[in-house]
């Protein structure tokens, strides 16, 4: 998962830290539905950038559970997995996507 990764532009996310989300915008509702249907259950989280649209670094979030409501909204229980660097910004069906490269942390001995 490093080409055309869906990007949720919202808040700062970190590996191992839970990130609960209330999804109500139509483009993000579509994005979450696709993440669940394709089985990846993952998307990127980046903070906003006034020039590029979203930051060059972010964190992959893994969906642990989704509660869908009758009006189309949902509550997503996700947790941070891995940090990444954005190689190329793009869009798909109203939401942002990116080609990414994972960042490997150096282990402290």
PDB file of N, CA and C in Angstrom:
ATOM      1  N   UNK A   1       0.843  -1.188   0.000  1.00  0.00           N
ATOM      2  CA  UNK A   1       0.000   0.000   0.000  1.00  0.00           C
ATOM      3  C   UNK A   1       0.886   1.247   0.000  1.00  0.00           C
ATOM      4  N   UNK A   2       1.339   1.656  -1.189  1.00  0.00           N
ATOM      5  CA  UNK A   2       2.092   2.912  -1.257  1.00  0.00           C
ATOM      6  C   UNK A   2       1.831   3.705  -2.536  1.00  0.00           C
ATOM      7  N   UNK A   3       0.887   3.266  -3.365  1.00  0.00           N
ATOM      8  CA  UNK A   3       0.474   4.015  -4.565  1.00  0.00           C
ATOM      9  C   UNK A   3      -0.995   4.384  -4.416  1.00  0.00           C
ATOM     10  N   UNK A   4      -1.334   5.628  -4.724  1.00  0.00           N
ATOM     11  CA  UNK A   4      -2.717   6.113  -4.633  1.00  0.00           C
ATOM     12  C   UNK A   4      -3.356   5.827  -3.274  1.00  0.00           C
ATOM     13  N   UNK A   5      -2.605   6.081  -2.222  1.00  0.00           N
ATOM     14  CA  UNK A   5      -3.104   5.883  -0.865  1.00  0.00           C
ATOM     15  C   UNK A   5      -4.113   6.994  -0.557  1.00  0.00           C
ATOM     16  N   UNK A   6      -5.322   6.644  -0.079  1.00  0.00           N
ATOM     17  CA  UNK A   6      -6.283   7.681   0.306  1.00  0.00           C
ATOM     18  C   UNK A   6      -5.729   8.491   1.473  1.00  0.00           C
ATOM     19  N   UNK A   7      -5.899   9.807   1.397  1.00  0.00           N
ATOM     20  CA  UNK A   7      -5.388  10.688   2.449  1.00  0.00           C
ATOM     21  C   UNK A   7      -6.547  11.453   3.083  1.00  0.00           C
ATOM     22  N   UNK A   8      -6.683  11.304   4.385  1.00  0.00           N
ATOM     23  CA  UNK A   8      -7.663  12.073   5.152  1.00  0.00           C
ATOM     24  C   UNK A   8      -6.925  13.295   5.677  1.00  0.00           C
ATOM     25  N   UNK A   9      -7.342  14.481   5.262  1.00  0.00           N
ATOM     26  CA  UNK A   9      -6.691  15.721   5.696  1.00  0.00           C
ATOM     27  C   UNK A   9      -7.456  16.232   6.908  1.00  0.00           C
ATOM     28  N   UNK A  10      -6.843  16.068   8.078  1.00  0.00           N
ATOM     29  CA  UNK A  10      -7.576  16.426   9.289  1.00  0.00           C
ATOM     30  C   UNK A  10      -6.652  16.801  10.438  1.00  0.00           C
ATOM     31  N   UNK A  11      -6.054  15.825  11.080  1.00  0.00           N
ATOM     32  CA  UNK A  11      -5.313  16.067  12.315  1.00  0.00           C
ATOM     33  C   UNK A  11      -3.975  15.335  12.280  1.00  0.00           C
ATOM     34  N   UNK A  12      -3.196  15.504  13.306  1.00  0.00           N
ATOM     35  CA  UNK A  12      -1.928  14.801  13.426  1.00  0.00           C
ATOM     36  C   UNK A  12      -2.191  13.411  13.998  1.00  0.00           C
ATOM     37  N   UNK A  13      -1.584  12.394  13.402  1.00  0.00           N
ATOM     38  CA  UNK A  13      -1.724  11.028  13.899  1.00  0.00           C
ATOM     39  C   UNK A  13      -0.327  10.459  14.144  1.00  0.00           C
ATOM     40  N   UNK A  14      -0.248   9.519  15.079  1.00  0.00           N
ATOM     41  CA  UNK A  14       1.036   8.940  15.472  1.00  0.00           C
ATOM     42  C   UNK A  14       0.930   7.416  15.543  1.00  0.00           C
ATOM     43  N   UNK A  15       2.021   6.705  15.230  1.00  0.00           N
ATOM     44  CA  UNK A  15       2.010   5.246  15.373  1.00  0.00           C
ATOM     45  C   UNK A  15       1.650   4.833  16.796  1.00  0.00           C
ATOM     46  N   UNK A  16       0.855   3.786  16.909  1.00  0.00           N
ATOM     47  CA  UNK A  16       0.374   3.158  18.157  1.00  0.00           C
ATOM     48  C   UNK A  16      -0.698   3.967  18.893  1.00  0.00           C
ATOM     49  N   UNK A  17      -1.040   5.175  18.431  1.00  0.00           N
ATOM     50  CA  UNK A  17      -2.003   6.017  19.132  1.00  0.00           C
ATOM     51  C   UNK A  17      -3.381   5.906  18.460  1.00  0.00           C
ATOM     52  N   UNK A  18      -4.438   5.581  19.230  1.00  0.00           N
ATOM     53  CA  UNK A  18      -5.788   5.518  18.658  1.00  0.00           C
ATOM     54  C   UNK A  18      -6.215   6.876  18.092  1.00  0.00           C
ATOM     55  N   UNK A  19      -6.995   6.839  17.015  1.00  0.00           N
ATOM     56  CA  UNK A  19      -7.460   8.071  16.368  1.00  0.00           C
ATOM     57  C   UNK A  19      -8.933   7.889  15.979  1.00  0.00           C
ATOM     58  N   UNK A  20      -9.870   8.173  16.906  1.00  0.00           N
ATOM     59  CA  UNK A  20     -11.291   8.047  16.578  1.00  0.00           C
ATOM     60  C   UNK A  20     -11.725   9.196  15.667  1.00  0.00           C
ATOM     61  N   UNK A  21     -12.561   8.889  14.678  1.00  0.00           N
ATOM     62  CA  UNK A  21     -12.978   9.887  13.702  1.00  0.00           C
ATOM     63  C   UNK A  21     -14.487   9.853  13.490  1.00  0.00           C
ATOM     64  N   UNK A  22     -15.094  11.031  13.349  1.00  0.00           N
ATOM     65  CA  UNK A  22     -16.505  11.143  12.985  1.00  0.00           C
ATOM     66  C   UNK A  22     -16.526  11.548  11.513  1.00  0.00           C
ATOM     67  N   UNK A  23     -17.005  10.659  10.656  1.00  0.00           N
ATOM     68  CA  UNK A  23     -16.981  10.889   9.208  1.00  0.00           C
ATOM     69  C   UNK A  23     -18.360  11.351   8.750  1.00  0.00           C
ATOM     70  N   UNK A  24     -18.418  12.545   8.146  1.00  0.00           N
ATOM     71  CA  UNK A  24     -19.707  13.047   7.675  1.00  0.00           C
ATOM     72  C   UNK A  24     -19.642  13.658   6.285  1.00  0.00           C
ATOM     73  N   UNK A  25     -18.454  14.096   5.824  1.00  0.00           N
ATOM     74  CA  UNK A  25     -18.341  14.674   4.482  1.00  0.00           C
ATOM     75  C   UNK A  25     -18.461  13.568   3.441  1.00  0.00           C
ATOM     76  N   UNK A  26     -19.233  13.806   2.368  1.00  0.00           N
ATOM     77  CA  UNK A  26     -19.459  12.761   1.359  1.00  0.00           C
ATOM     78  C   UNK A  26     -18.181  12.153   0.771  1.00  0.00           C
ATOM     79  N   UNK A  27     -17.162  12.964   0.526  1.00  0.00           N
ATOM     80  CA  UNK A  27     -15.937  12.426  -0.073  1.00  0.00           C
ATOM     81  C   UNK A  27     -15.232  11.455   0.886  1.00  0.00           C
ATOM     82  N   UNK A  28     -15.235  11.765   2.183  1.00  0.00           N
ATOM     83  CA  UNK A  28     -14.591  10.883   3.152  1.00  0.00           C
ATOM     84  C   UNK A  28     -15.450   9.661   3.465  1.00  0.00           C
ATOM     85  N   UNK A  29     -16.775   9.811   3.355  1.00  0.00           N
ATOM     86  CA  UNK A  29     -17.649   8.645   3.500  1.00  0.00           C
ATOM     87  C   UNK A  29     -17.328   7.631   2.413  1.00  0.00           C
ATOM     88  N   UNK A  30     -17.151   8.119   1.182  1.00  0.00           N
ATOM     89  CA  UNK A  30     -16.775   7.257   0.056  1.00  0.00           C
ATOM     90  C   UNK A  30     -15.404   6.623   0.301  1.00  0.00           C
ATOM     91  N   UNK A  31     -14.451   7.424   0.766  1.00  0.00           N
ATOM     92  CA  UNK A  31     -13.099   6.927   1.015  1.00  0.00           C
ATOM     93  C   UNK A  31     -13.104   5.785   2.036  1.00  0.00           C
ATOM     94  N   UNK A  32     -13.808   5.960   3.153  1.00  0.00           N
ATOM     95  CA  UNK A  32     -13.857   4.929   4.194  1.00  0.00           C
ATOM     96  C   UNK A  32     -14.547   3.673   3.661  1.00  0.00           C
ATOM     97  N   UNK A  33     -15.638   3.860   2.934  1.00  0.00           N
ATOM     98  CA  UNK A  33     -16.344   2.710   2.359  1.00  0.00           C
ATOM     99  C   UNK A  33     -15.421   1.917   1.443  1.00  0.00           C
ATOM    100  N   UNK A  34     -14.636   2.607   0.619  1.00  0.00           N
ATOM    101  CA  UNK A  34     -13.698   1.927  -0.285  1.00  0.00           C
ATOM    102  C   UNK A  34     -12.590   1.209   0.491  1.00  0.00           C
ATOM    103  N   UNK A  35     -12.091   1.833   1.543  1.00  0.00           N
ATOM    104  CA  UNK A  35     -11.048   1.194   2.364  1.00  0.00           C
ATOM    105  C   UNK A  35     -11.564  -0.119   2.952  1.00  0.00           C
ATOM    106  N   UNK A  36     -12.827  -0.130   3.354  1.00  0.00           N
ATOM    107  CA  UNK A  36     -13.412  -1.337   3.936  1.00  0.00           C
ATOM    108  C   UNK A  36     -13.701  -2.376   2.856  1.00  0.00           C
ATOM    109  N   UNK A  37     -14.254  -1.954   1.721  1.00  0.00           N
ATOM    110  CA  UNK A  37     -14.630  -2.886   0.651  1.00  0.00           C
ATOM    111  C   UNK A  37     -13.422  -3.548   0.007  1.00  0.00           C
ATOM    112  N   UNK A  38     -12.326  -2.809  -0.146  1.00  0.00           N
ATOM    113  CA  UNK A  38     -11.131  -3.380  -0.779  1.00  0.00           C
ATOM    114  C   UNK A  38     -10.355  -4.271   0.187  1.00  0.00           C
ATOM    115  N   UNK A  39     -10.646  -4.144   1.479  1.00  0.00           N
ATOM    116  CA  UNK A  39      -9.983  -4.991   2.464  1.00  0.00           C
ATOM    117  C   UNK A  39      -8.677  -4.436   3.002  1.00  0.00           C
ATOM    118  N   UNK A  40      -8.220  -3.285   2.478  1.00  0.00           N
ATOM    119  CA  UNK A  40      -6.965  -2.717   2.988  1.00  0.00           C
ATOM    120  C   UNK A  40      -7.145  -2.218   4.419  1.00  0.00           C
ATOM    121  N   UNK A  41      -8.312  -1.651   4.687  1.00  0.00           N
ATOM    122  CA  UNK A  41      -8.641  -1.077   5.993  1.00  0.00           C
ATOM    123  C   UNK A  41      -7.592  -0.077   6.457  1.00  0.00           C
ATOM    124  N   UNK A  42      -6.949   0.605   5.510  1.00  0.00           N
ATOM    125  CA  UNK A  42      -5.922   1.590   5.854  1.00  0.00           C
ATOM    126  C   UNK A  42      -6.054   2.836   4.981  1.00  0.00           C
ATOM    127  N   UNK A  43      -5.653   3.963   5.547  1.00  0.00           N
ATOM    128  CA  UNK A  43      -5.585   5.225   4.818  1.00  0.00           C
ATOM    129  C   UNK A  43      -4.557   6.105   5.508  1.00  0.00           C
ATOM    130  N   UNK A  44      -4.123   7.144   4.828  1.00  0.00           N
ATOM    131  CA  UNK A  44      -3.150   8.064   5.398  1.00  0.00           C
ATOM    132  C   UNK A  44      -3.830   9.239   6.066  1.00  0.00           C
ATOM    133  N   UNK A  45      -3.211   9.767   7.103  1.00  0.00           N
ATOM    134  CA  UNK A  45      -3.694  10.965   7.784  1.00  0.00           C
ATOM    135  C   UNK A  45      -2.601  12.020   7.708  1.00  0.00           C
ATOM    136  N   UNK A  46      -2.958  13.199   7.179  1.00  0.00           N
ATOM    137  CA  UNK A  46      -2.024  14.329   7.092  1.00  0.00           C
ATOM    138  C   UNK A  46      -2.718  15.581   7.590  1.00  0.00           C
ATOM    139  N   UNK A  47      -1.935  16.510   8.095  1.00  0.00           N
ATOM    140  CA  UNK A  47      -2.500  17.806   8.448  1.00  0.00           C
ATOM    141  C   UNK A  47      -2.576  18.658   7.181  1.00  0.00           C
ATOM    142  N   UNK A  48      -3.377  19.683   7.242  1.00  0.00           N
ATOM    143  CA  UNK A  48      -3.583  20.581   6.109  1.00  0.00           C
ATOM    144  C   UNK A  48      -2.342  21.438   5.842  1.00  0.00           C
ATOM    145  N   UNK A  49      -2.144  21.766   4.573  1.00  0.00           N
ATOM    146  CA  UNK A  49      -1.078  22.681   4.166  1.00  0.00           C
ATOM    147  C   UNK A  49      -1.722  23.691   3.222  1.00  0.00           C
ATOM    148  N   UNK A  50      -1.603  25.002   3.512  1.00  0.00           N
ATOM    149  CA  UNK A  50      -2.293  26.009   2.694  1.00  0.00           C
ATOM    150  C   UNK A  50      -1.834  26.058   1.231  1.00  0.00           C
ATOM    151  N   UNK A  51      -0.622  25.617   0.948  1.00  0.00           N
ATOM    152  CA  UNK A  51      -0.103  25.670  -0.422  1.00  0.00           C
ATOM    153  C   UNK A  51      -0.348  24.348  -1.162  1.00  0.00           C
ATOM    154  N   UNK A  52       0.051  23.235  -0.551  1.00  0.00           N
ATOM    155  CA  UNK A  52      -0.017  21.927  -1.221  1.00  0.00           C
ATOM    156  C   UNK A  52      -1.334  21.198  -1.004  1.00  0.00           C
ATOM    157  N   UNK A  53      -2.146  21.639  -0.056  1.00  0.00           N
ATOM    158  CA  UNK A  53      -3.378  20.945   0.277  1.00  0.00           C
ATOM    159  C   UNK A  53      -3.213  20.086   1.512  1.00  0.00           C
ATOM    160  N   UNK A  54      -2.114  19.323   1.563  1.00  0.00           N
ATOM    161  CA  UNK A  54      -1.805  18.548   2.760  1.00  0.00           C
ATOM    162  C   UNK A  54      -0.303  18.381   2.888  1.00  0.00           C
ATOM    163  N   UNK A  55       0.130  18.089   4.115  1.00  0.00           N
ATOM    164  CA  UNK A  55       1.557  18.046   4.459  1.00  0.00           C
ATOM    165  C   UNK A  55       2.291  16.924   3.735  1.00  0.00           C
ATOM    166  N   UNK A  56       3.607  17.044   3.679  1.00  0.00           N
ATOM    167  CA  UNK A  56       4.466  16.050   3.021  1.00  0.00           C
ATOM    168  C   UNK A  56       4.761  14.838   3.895  1.00  0.00           C
ATOM    169  N   UNK A  57       4.318  14.854   5.144  1.00  0.00           N
ATOM    170  CA  UNK A  57       4.523  13.716   6.042  1.00  0.00           C
ATOM    171  C   UNK A  57       3.208  13.395   6.728  1.00  0.00           C
ATOM    172  N   UNK A  58       3.010  12.115   7.027  1.00  0.00           N
ATOM    173  CA  UNK A  58       1.782  11.701   7.696  1.00  0.00           C
ATOM    174  C   UNK A  58       1.943  10.342   8.327  1.00  0.00           C
ATOM    175  N   UNK A  59       0.817   9.772   8.725  1.00  0.00           N
ATOM    176  CA  UNK A  59       0.805   8.473   9.400  1.00  0.00           C
ATOM    177  C   UNK A  59      -0.303   7.612   8.796  1.00  0.00           C
ATOM    178  N   UNK A  60       0.009   6.352   8.541  1.00  0.00           N
ATOM    179  CA  UNK A  60      -1.004   5.397   8.080  1.00  0.00           C
ATOM    180  C   UNK A  60      -1.871   5.017   9.272  1.00  0.00           C
ATOM    181  N   UNK A  61      -3.182   5.068   9.073  1.00  0.00           N
ATOM    182  CA  UNK A  61      -4.119   4.631  10.092  1.00  0.00           C
ATOM    183  C   UNK A  61      -4.766   3.329   9.642  1.00  0.00           C
ATOM    184  N   UNK A  62      -4.922   2.406  10.580  1.00  0.00           N
ATOM    185  CA  UNK A  62      -5.602   1.146  10.297  1.00  0.00           C
ATOM    186  C   UNK A  62      -6.971   1.176  10.968  1.00  0.00           C
ATOM    187  N   UNK A  63      -7.996   0.863  10.193  1.00  0.00           N
ATOM    188  CA  UNK A  63      -9.364   0.858  10.714  1.00  0.00           C
ATOM    189  C   UNK A  63      -9.574  -0.411  11.537  1.00  0.00           C
ATOM    190  N   UNK A  64      -9.935  -0.229  12.798  1.00  0.00           N
ATOM    191  CA  UNK A  64     -10.226  -1.375  13.660  1.00  0.00           C
ATOM    192  C   UNK A  64     -11.711  -1.693  13.654  1.00  0.00           C
ATOM    193  N   UNK A  65     -12.550  -0.655  13.556  1.00  0.00           N
ATOM    194  CA  UNK A  65     -13.989  -0.857  13.547  1.00  0.00           C
ATOM    195  C   UNK A  65     -14.669   0.376  12.958  1.00  0.00           C
ATOM    196  N   UNK A  66     -15.804   0.170  12.285  1.00  0.00           N
ATOM    197  CA  UNK A  66     -16.602   1.281  11.757  1.00  0.00           C
ATOM    198  C   UNK A  66     -18.047   1.052  12.172  1.00  0.00           C
ATOM    199  N   UNK A  67     -18.659   2.104  12.689  1.00  0.00           N
ATOM    200  CA  UNK A  67     -20.086   2.066  12.997  1.00  0.00           C
ATOM    201  C   UNK A  67     -20.784   3.009  12.025  1.00  0.00           C
ATOM    202  N   UNK A  68     -21.590   2.444  11.127  1.00  0.00           N
ATOM    203  CA  UNK A  68     -22.312   3.229  10.121  1.00  0.00           C
ATOM    204  C   UNK A  68     -23.691   3.608  10.654  1.00  0.00           C
ATOM    205  N   UNK A  69     -24.113   4.841  10.378  1.00  0.00           N
ATOM    206  CA  UNK A  69     -25.433   5.325  10.781  1.00  0.00           C
ATOM    207  C   UNK A  69     -26.342   5.419   9.561  1.00  0.00           C
ATOM    208  N   UNK A  70     -27.646   5.432   9.795  1.00  0.00           N
ATOM    209  CA  UNK A  70     -28.636   5.433   8.710  1.00  0.00           C
ATOM    210  C   UNK A  70     -28.503   6.654   7.790  1.00  0.00           C
ATOM    211  N   UNK A  71     -28.061   7.778   8.327  1.00  0.00           N
ATOM    212  CA  UNK A  71     -27.950   8.997   7.511  1.00  0.00           C
ATOM    213  C   UNK A  71     -26.641   9.076   6.715  1.00  0.00           C
ATOM    214  N   UNK A  72     -25.799   8.024   6.775  1.00  0.00           N
ATOM    215  CA  UNK A  72     -24.566   7.988   5.984  1.00  0.00           C
ATOM    216  C   UNK A  72     -23.308   8.323   6.766  1.00  0.00           C
ATOM    217  N   UNK A  73     -23.477   8.947   7.932  1.00  0.00           N
ATOM    218  CA  UNK A  73     -22.304   9.251   8.761  1.00  0.00           C
ATOM    219  C   UNK A  73     -21.748   7.966   9.348  1.00  0.00           C
ATOM    220  N   UNK A  74     -20.534   8.048   9.859  1.00  0.00           N
ATOM    221  CA  UNK A  74     -19.962   6.894  10.543  1.00  0.00           C
ATOM    222  C   UNK A  74     -18.955   7.352  11.597  1.00  0.00           C
ATOM    223  N   UNK A  75     -18.715   6.464  12.545  1.00  0.00           N
ATOM    224  CA  UNK A  75     -17.671   6.671  13.537  1.00  0.00           C
ATOM    225  C   UNK A  75     -16.629   5.588  13.279  1.00  0.00           C
ATOM    226  N   UNK A  76     -15.405   6.028  13.046  1.00  0.00           N
ATOM    227  CA  UNK A  76     -14.324   5.114  12.699  1.00  0.00           C
ATOM    228  C   UNK A  76     -13.343   5.021  13.865  1.00  0.00           C
ATOM    229  N   UNK A  77     -13.089   3.793  14.296  1.00  0.00           N
ATOM    230  CA  UNK A  77     -12.087   3.528  15.323  1.00  0.00           C
ATOM    231  C   UNK A  77     -10.815   3.113  14.584  1.00  0.00           C
ATOM    232  N   UNK A  78      -9.826   3.991  14.577  1.00  0.00           N
ATOM    233  CA  UNK A  78      -8.577   3.688  13.864  1.00  0.00           C
ATOM    234  C   UNK A  78      -7.395   3.879  14.805  1.00  0.00           C
ATOM    235  N   UNK A  79      -6.258   3.313  14.381  1.00  0.00           N
ATOM    236  CA  UNK A  79      -5.042   3.426  15.181  1.00  0.00           C
ATOM    237  C   UNK A  79      -3.857   3.660  14.245  1.00  0.00           C
ATOM    238  N   UNK A  80      -2.931   4.505  14.667  1.00  0.00           N
ATOM    239  CA  UNK A  80      -1.748   4.811  13.867  1.00  0.00           C
ATOM    240  C   UNK A  80      -0.837   3.603  13.712  1.00  0.00           C
ATOM    241  N   UNK A  81      -0.317   3.390  12.490  1.00  0.00           N
ATOM    242  CA  UNK A  81       0.553   2.250  12.215  1.00  0.00           C
ATOM    243  C   UNK A  81       1.981   2.660  11.852  1.00  0.00           C
ATOM    244  N   UNK A  82       2.142   3.373  10.737  1.00  0.00           N
ATOM    245  CA  UNK A  82       3.493   3.708  10.239  1.00  0.00           C
ATOM    246  C   UNK A  82       3.516   5.135   9.710  1.00  0.00           C
ATOM    247  N   UNK A  83       4.662   5.796   9.885  1.00  0.00           N
ATOM    248  CA  UNK A  83       4.837   7.142   9.334  1.00  0.00           C
ATOM    249  C   UNK A  83       5.252   7.035   7.870  1.00  0.00           C
ATOM    250  N   UNK A  84       4.927   8.075   7.102  1.00  0.00           N
ATOM    251  CA  UNK A  84       5.298   8.069   5.685  1.00  0.00           C
ATOM    252  C   UNK A  84       5.628   9.471   5.198  1.00  0.00           C
ATOM    253  N   UNK A  85       6.308   9.505   4.055  1.00  0.00           N
ATOM    254  CA  UNK A  85       6.610  10.743   3.337  1.00  0.00           C
ATOM    255  C   UNK A  85       5.834  10.708   2.029  1.00  0.00           C
ATOM    256  N   UNK A  86       5.204  11.827   1.686  1.00  0.00           N
ATOM    257  CA  UNK A  86       4.450  11.936   0.435  1.00  0.00           C
ATOM    258  C   UNK A  86       5.417  12.181  -0.708  1.00  0.00           C
ATOM    259  N   UNK A  87       5.316  11.340  -1.740  1.00  0.00           N
ATOM    260  CA  UNK A  87       6.145  11.499  -2.934  1.00  0.00           C
ATOM    261  C   UNK A  87       5.406  12.313  -3.988  1.00  0.00           C
ATOM    262  N   UNK A  88       4.105  12.057  -4.128  1.00  0.00           N
ATOM    263  CA  UNK A  88       3.305  12.765  -5.131  1.00  0.00           C
ATOM    264  C   UNK A  88       1.888  12.966  -4.620  1.00  0.00           C
ATOM    265  N   UNK A  89       1.401  14.209  -4.679  1.00  0.00           N
ATOM    266  CA  UNK A  89       0.033  14.557  -4.279  1.00  0.00           C
ATOM    267  C   UNK A  89      -0.896  14.333  -5.469  1.00  0.00           C
ATOM    268  N   UNK A  90      -2.108  13.823  -5.210  1.00  0.00           N
ATOM    269  CA  UNK A  90      -3.116  13.695  -6.265  1.00  0.00           C
ATOM    270  C   UNK A  90      -4.497  13.652  -5.640  1.00  0.00           C
ATOM    271  N   UNK A  91      -5.528  13.463  -6.476  1.00  0.00           N
ATOM    272  CA  UNK A  91      -6.906  13.399  -5.998  1.00  0.00           C
ATOM    273  C   UNK A  91      -7.663  12.303  -6.724  1.00  0.00           C
ATOM    274  N   UNK A  92      -8.724  11.813  -6.067  1.00  0.00           N
ATOM    275  CA  UNK A  92      -9.599  10.813  -6.676  1.00  0.00           C
ATOM    276  C   UNK A  92     -10.999  11.012  -6.120  1.00  0.00           C
ATOM    277  N   UNK A  93     -11.952  11.247  -6.974  1.00  0.00           N
ATOM    278  CA  UNK A  93     -13.367  11.348  -6.591  1.00  0.00           C
ATOM    279  C   UNK A  93     -13.616  12.277  -5.404  1.00  0.00           C
ATOM    280  N   UNK A  94     -12.905  13.396  -5.356  1.00  0.00           N
ATOM    281  CA  UNK A  94     -13.159  14.408  -4.338  1.00  0.00           C
ATOM    282  C   UNK A  94     -12.296  14.334  -3.093  1.00  0.00           C
ATOM    283  N   UNK A  95     -11.553  13.248  -2.909  1.00  0.00           N
ATOM    284  CA  UNK A  95     -10.647  13.182  -1.763  1.00  0.00           C
ATOM    285  C   UNK A  95      -9.208  13.071  -2.249  1.00  0.00           C
ATOM    286  N   UNK A  96      -8.283  13.422  -1.367  1.00  0.00           N
ATOM    287  CA  UNK A  96      -6.868  13.416  -1.721  1.00  0.00           C
ATOM    288  C   UNK A  96      -6.298  12.005  -1.696  1.00  0.00           C
ATOM    289  N   UNK A  97      -5.303  11.784  -2.550  1.00  0.00           N
ATOM    290  CA  UNK A  97      -4.540  10.541  -2.544  1.00  0.00           C
ATOM    291  C   UNK A  97      -3.074  10.908  -2.691  1.00  0.00           C
ATOM    292  N   UNK A  98      -2.202   9.942  -2.462  1.00  0.00           N
ATOM    293  CA  UNK A  98      -0.770  10.216  -2.590  1.00  0.00           C
ATOM    294  C   UNK A  98      -0.008   8.928  -2.855  1.00  0.00           C
ATOM    295  N   UNK A  99       1.093   9.079  -3.554  1.00  0.00           N
ATOM    296  CA  UNK A  99       2.088   8.011  -3.612  1.00  0.00           C
ATOM    297  C   UNK A  99       3.018   8.296  -2.441  1.00  0.00           C
ATOM    298  N   UNK A 100       3.295   7.268  -1.651  1.00  0.00           N
ATOM    299  CA  UNK A 100       4.054   7.484  -0.419  1.00  0.00           C
ATOM    300  C   UNK A 100       5.260   6.564  -0.330  1.00  0.00           C
ATOM    301  N   UNK A 101       6.134   6.927   0.591  1.00  0.00           N
ATOM    302  CA  UNK A 101       7.311   6.121   0.919  1.00  0.00           C
ATOM    303  C   UNK A 101       7.340   6.018   2.444  1.00  0.00           C
ATOM    304  N   UNK A 102       7.402   4.795   2.952  1.00  0.00           N
ATOM    305  CA  UNK A 102       7.402   4.611   4.403  1.00  0.00           C
ATOM    306  C   UNK A 102       8.710   5.081   5.015  1.00  0.00           C
ATOM    307  N   UNK A 103       8.612   5.612   6.224  1.00  0.00           N
ATOM    308  CA  UNK A 103       9.783   6.072   6.964  1.00  0.00           C
ATOM    309  C   UNK A 103      10.114   5.003   7.995  1.00  0.00           C
ATOM    310  N   UNK A 104      11.324   4.543   7.959  1.00  0.00           N
ATOM    311  CA  UNK A 104      11.785   3.535   8.930  1.00  0.00           C
ATOM    312  C   UNK A 104      12.542   4.232  10.038  1.00  0.00           C
ATOM    313  N   UNK A 105      12.092   4.031  11.252  1.00  0.00           N
ATOM    314  CA  UNK A 105      12.774   4.618  12.401  1.00  0.00           C
ATOM    315  C   UNK A 105      14.006   3.792  12.746  1.00  0.00           C
ATOM    316  N   UNK A 106      15.052   4.468  13.197  1.00  0.00           N
ATOM    317  CA  UNK A 106      16.242   3.748  13.651  1.00  0.00           C
ATOM    318  C   UNK A 106      16.010   3.274  15.066  1.00  0.00           C
ATOM    319  N   UNK A 107      16.265   2.000  15.296  1.00  0.00           N
ATOM    320  CA  UNK A 107      16.063   1.417  16.622  1.00  0.00           C
ATOM    321  C   UNK A 107      17.166   1.897  17.562  1.00  0.00           C
ATOM    322  N   UNK A 108      16.779   2.217  18.792  1.00  0.00           N
ATOM    323  CA  UNK A 108      17.733   2.625  19.815  1.00  0.00           C
ATOM    324  C   UNK A 108      18.168   1.374  20.567  1.00  0.00           C
ATOM    325  N   UNK A 109      19.475   1.168  20.653  1.00  0.00           N
ATOM    326  CA  UNK A 109      19.981  -0.030  21.336  1.00  0.00           C
ATOM    327  C   UNK A 109      20.201   0.218  22.810  1.00  0.00           C
TER     328      UNK A 109
END
